[in-house]
C-alpha atoms as a PDB file:
ATOM      1  CA  UNK A   1     -60.187 -30.318 -61.432  1.00  0.00           C
ATOM      2  CA  UNK A   2     -58.677 -29.800 -58.004  1.00  0.00           C
ATOM      3  CA  UNK A   3     -58.961 -25.979 -58.375  1.00  0.00           C
ATOM      4  CA  UNK A   4     -62.555 -26.229 -59.336  1.00  0.00           C
ATOM      5  CA  UNK A   5     -63.284 -28.499 -56.362  1.00  0.00           C
ATOM      6  CA  UNK A   6     -61.607 -26.183 -54.029  1.00  0.00           C
ATOM      7  CA  UNK A   7     -63.484 -23.198 -55.339  1.00  0.00           C
ATOM      8  CA  UNK A   8     -66.880 -25.025 -55.143  1.00  0.00           C
ATOM      9  CA  UNK A   9     -65.932 -26.095 -51.497  1.00  0.00           C
ATOM     10  CA  UNK A  10     -65.062 -22.496 -50.646  1.00  0.00           C
ATOM     11  CA  UNK A  11     -68.274 -21.056 -52.117  1.00  0.00           C
ATOM     12  CA  UNK A  12     -70.236 -23.720 -50.288  1.00  0.00           C
ATOM     13  CA  UNK A  13     -68.589 -22.813 -46.889  1.00  0.00           C
ATOM     14  CA  UNK A  14     -69.255 -19.041 -47.589  1.00  0.00           C
ATOM     15  CA  UNK A  15     -72.857 -19.579 -48.218  1.00  0.00           C
ATOM     16  CA  UNK A  16     -73.350 -21.784 -45.293  1.00  0.00           C
ATOM     17  CA  UNK A  17     -71.652 -19.483 -43.015  1.00  0.00           C
ATOM     18  CA  UNK A  18     -73.918 -16.592 -44.347  1.00  0.00           C
ATOM     19  CA  UNK A  19     -77.122 -18.497 -43.536  1.00  0.00           C
ATOM     20  CA  UNK A  20     -75.730 -19.836 -40.204  1.00  0.00           C
ATOM     21  CA  UNK A  21     -74.999 -16.330 -38.879  1.00  0.00           C
ATOM     22  CA  UNK A  22     -78.279 -14.513 -39.675  1.00  0.00           C
ATOM     23  CA  UNK A  23     -77.674 -12.130 -36.988  1.00  0.00           C
ATOM     24  CA  UNK A  24     -77.514  -8.431 -37.772  1.00  0.00           C
ATOM     25  CA  UNK A  25     -74.951  -6.681 -35.489  1.00  0.00           C
ATOM     26  CA  UNK A  26     -76.229  -3.194 -36.443  1.00  0.00           C
ATOM     27  CA  UNK A  27     -79.829  -4.290 -35.582  1.00  0.00           C
ATOM     28  CA  UNK A  28     -78.503  -5.746 -32.370  1.00  0.00           C
ATOM     29  CA  UNK A  29     -77.154  -2.437 -31.310  1.00  0.00           C
ATOM     30  CA  UNK A  30     -80.280  -0.591 -32.488  1.00  0.00           C
ATOM     31  CA  UNK A  31     -82.186  -3.114 -30.104  1.00  0.00           C
ATOM     32  CA  UNK A  32     -79.800  -2.437 -27.242  1.00  0.00           C
ATOM     33  CA  UNK A  33     -80.562   1.271 -27.641  1.00  0.00           C
ATOM     34  CA  UNK A  34     -84.244   0.965 -28.185  1.00  0.00           C
ATOM     35  CA  UNK A  35     -84.826  -1.230 -25.113  1.00  0.00           C
ATOM     36  CA  UNK A  36     -82.434   1.094 -23.180  1.00  0.00           C
ATOM     37  CA  UNK A  37     -80.328  -1.791 -21.762  1.00  0.00           C
ATOM     38  CA  UNK A  38     -77.506   0.703 -20.997  1.00  0.00           C
ATOM     39  CA  UNK A  39     -79.632   2.284 -18.274  1.00  0.00           C
ATOM     40  CA  UNK A  40     -78.514  -0.767 -16.087  1.00  0.00           C
ATOM     41  CA  UNK A  41     -75.708  -2.459 -17.840  1.00  0.00           C
ATOM     42  CA  UNK A  42     -73.824   0.561 -18.890  1.00  0.00           C
ATOM     43  CA  UNK A  43     -73.293   2.174 -22.428  1.00  0.00           C
ATOM     44  CA  UNK A  44     -70.516  -0.047 -23.226  1.00  0.00           C
ATOM     45  CA  UNK A  45     -72.214  -3.129 -21.708  1.00  0.00           C
ATOM     46  CA  UNK A  46     -69.322  -3.715 -19.284  1.00  0.00           C
ATOM     47  CA  UNK A  47     -69.913  -0.956 -16.757  1.00  0.00           C
ATOM     48  CA  UNK A  48     -73.075  -1.806 -14.930  1.00  0.00           C
ATOM     49  CA  UNK A  49     -74.526   0.835 -12.573  1.00  0.00           C
ATOM     50  CA  UNK A  50     -74.616  -1.615  -9.830  1.00  0.00           C
ATOM     51  CA  UNK A  51     -72.112  -4.446  -9.118  1.00  0.00           C
ATOM     52  CA  UNK A  52     -74.997  -7.040  -8.878  1.00  0.00           C
ATOM     53  CA  UNK A  53     -75.804  -6.363 -12.515  1.00  0.00           C
ATOM     54  CA  UNK A  54     -73.824  -8.512 -14.928  1.00  0.00           C
ATOM     55  CA  UNK A  55     -71.238  -7.492 -17.523  1.00  0.00           C
ATOM     56  CA  UNK A  56     -72.601  -8.391 -20.949  1.00  0.00           C
ATOM     57  CA  UNK A  57     -69.855  -7.212 -23.379  1.00  0.00           C
ATOM     58  CA  UNK A  58     -67.929 -10.311 -24.641  1.00  0.00           C
ATOM     59  CA  UNK A  59     -70.282 -13.045 -23.121  1.00  0.00           C
ATOM     60  CA  UNK A  60     -71.179 -15.973 -25.139  1.00  0.00           C
ATOM     61  CA  UNK A  61     -74.182 -15.231 -27.498  1.00  0.00           C
ATOM     62  CA  UNK A  62     -75.791 -18.584 -26.755  1.00  0.00           C
ATOM     63  CA  UNK A  63     -75.693 -17.978 -23.023  1.00  0.00           C
ATOM     64  CA  UNK A  64     -77.205 -14.454 -23.386  1.00  0.00           C
ATOM     65  CA  UNK A  65     -80.026 -15.741 -25.637  1.00  0.00           C
ATOM     66  CA  UNK A  66     -80.759 -18.618 -23.119  1.00  0.00           C
ATOM     67  CA  UNK A  67     -81.010 -15.983 -20.338  1.00  0.00           C
ATOM     68  CA  UNK A  68     -83.214 -13.723 -22.418  1.00  0.00           C
ATOM     69  CA  UNK A  69     -85.648 -16.597 -23.307  1.00  0.00           C
ATOM     70  CA  UNK A  70     -85.651 -17.701 -19.712  1.00  0.00           C
ATOM     71  CA  UNK A  71     -86.708 -14.104 -18.618  1.00  0.00           C
ATOM     72  CA  UNK A  72     -89.535 -14.299 -21.261  1.00  0.00           C
ATOM     73  CA  UNK A  73     -90.765 -17.506 -19.751  1.00  0.00           C
ATOM     74  CA  UNK A  74     -90.547 -16.140 -16.315  1.00  0.00           C
ATOM     75  CA  UNK A  75     -92.624 -13.099 -17.219  1.00  0.00           C
ATOM     76  CA  UNK A  76     -95.169 -15.359 -18.774  1.00  0.00           C
ATOM     77  CA  UNK A  77     -95.516 -17.363 -15.548  1.00  0.00           C
ATOM     78  CA  UNK A  78     -94.305 -20.514 -17.200  1.00  0.00           C
ATOM     79  CA  UNK A  79     -94.089 -23.503 -14.918  1.00  0.00           C
ATOM     80  CA  UNK A  80     -90.744 -23.765 -12.958  1.00  0.00           C
ATOM     81  CA  UNK A  81     -89.726 -26.822 -14.976  1.00  0.00           C
ATOM     82  CA  UNK A  82     -89.760 -24.486 -17.974  1.00  0.00           C
ATOM     83  CA  UNK A  83     -86.577 -22.907 -16.726  1.00  0.00           C
ATOM     84  CA  UNK A  84     -87.936 -19.337 -16.351  1.00  0.00           C
ATOM     85  CA  UNK A  85     -86.120 -16.580 -14.709  1.00  0.00           C
ATOM     86  CA  UNK A  86     -88.388 -14.300 -12.655  1.00  0.00           C
ATOM     87  CA  UNK A  87     -87.347 -10.686 -12.607  1.00  0.00           C
ATOM     88  CA  UNK A  88     -89.815  -7.914 -13.010  1.00  0.00           C
ATOM     89  CA  UNK A  89     -87.527  -5.548 -14.828  1.00  0.00           C
ATOM     90  CA  UNK A  90     -85.774  -7.996 -17.150  1.00  0.00           C
ATOM     91  CA  UNK A  91     -88.983  -9.863 -17.811  1.00  0.00           C
ATOM     92  CA  UNK A  92     -90.655  -6.622 -18.952  1.00  0.00           C
ATOM     93  CA  UNK A  93     -87.724  -5.988 -21.375  1.00  0.00           C
ATOM     94  CA  UNK A  94     -87.361  -9.394 -22.615  1.00  0.00           C
ATOM     95  CA  UNK A  95     -91.015  -9.947 -23.545  1.00  0.00           C
ATOM     96  CA  UNK A  96     -90.522  -7.059 -26.169  1.00  0.00           C
ATOM     97  CA  UNK A  97     -87.971  -9.053 -27.950  1.00  0.00           C
ATOM     98  CA  UNK A  98     -88.556 -11.233 -31.035  1.00  0.00           C
ATOM     99  CA  UNK A  99     -86.344 -14.258 -31.648  1.00  0.00           C
ATOM    100  CA  UNK A 100     -84.585 -12.151 -34.275  1.00  0.00           C
ATOM    101  CA  UNK A 101     -84.079  -9.408 -31.795  1.00  0.00           C
ATOM    102  CA  UNK A 102     -82.554 -11.788 -29.263  1.00  0.00           C
ATOM    103  CA  UNK A 103     -80.321 -13.270 -32.080  1.00  0.00           C
ATOM    104  CA  UNK A 104     -79.133  -9.808 -33.142  1.00  0.00           C
ATOM    105  CA  UNK A 105     -78.544  -8.257 -29.706  1.00  0.00           C
ATOM    106  CA  UNK A 106     -76.759 -11.246 -28.272  1.00  0.00           C
ATOM    107  CA  UNK A 107     -74.477 -11.529 -31.304  1.00  0.00           C
ATOM    108  CA  UNK A 108     -73.677  -7.783 -30.946  1.00  0.00           C
ATOM    109  CA  UNK A 109     -72.889  -8.138 -27.266  1.00  0.00           C
ATOM    110  CA  UNK A 110     -70.776 -11.276 -28.002  1.00  0.00           C
ATOM    111  CA  UNK A 111     -68.724  -9.347 -30.581  1.00  0.00           C
ATOM    112  CA  UNK A 112     -67.779  -6.621 -28.168  1.00  0.00           C
ATOM    113  CA  UNK A 113     -64.478  -6.644 -26.282  1.00  0.00           C
ATOM    114  CA  UNK A 114     -64.968  -7.261 -22.548  1.00  0.00           C
ATOM    115  CA  UNK A 115     -63.461  -8.665 -19.531  1.00  0.00           C
ATOM    116  CA  UNK A 116     -65.198 -12.150 -20.003  1.00  0.00           C
ATOM    117  CA  UNK A 117     -62.207 -14.010 -21.203  1.00  0.00           C
ATOM    118  CA  UNK A 118     -59.803 -16.740 -20.031  1.00  0.00           C
ATOM    119  CA  UNK A 119     -56.563 -15.330 -18.755  1.00  0.00           C
ATOM    120  CA  UNK A 120     -53.593 -17.561 -18.716  1.00  0.00           C
END
């Protein structure tokens, strides 16, 4: 009975994690390439062409998703209370992305090794 309970719990966790992480890393990389993010952030997402541009490799997916959605709001001239980021270049790229595109590309970036880690 215990073995059956453990198997059922394991299966439930596997199914839940599959649905919780609906991001497709290959699709995220394809979105990165399609939008040509590397032209500013570098092919490895950690070697931007200018020091003012952020390193994206290894960044938290939820932070990146929040930023992209804020660029979308800023491009649509949302009220300032809507937490929009106004940047002509990023706004033009962000408005091309669906919610699934954002989920995929941010998951892909978060999965990459990068310098954005805590060193003790």
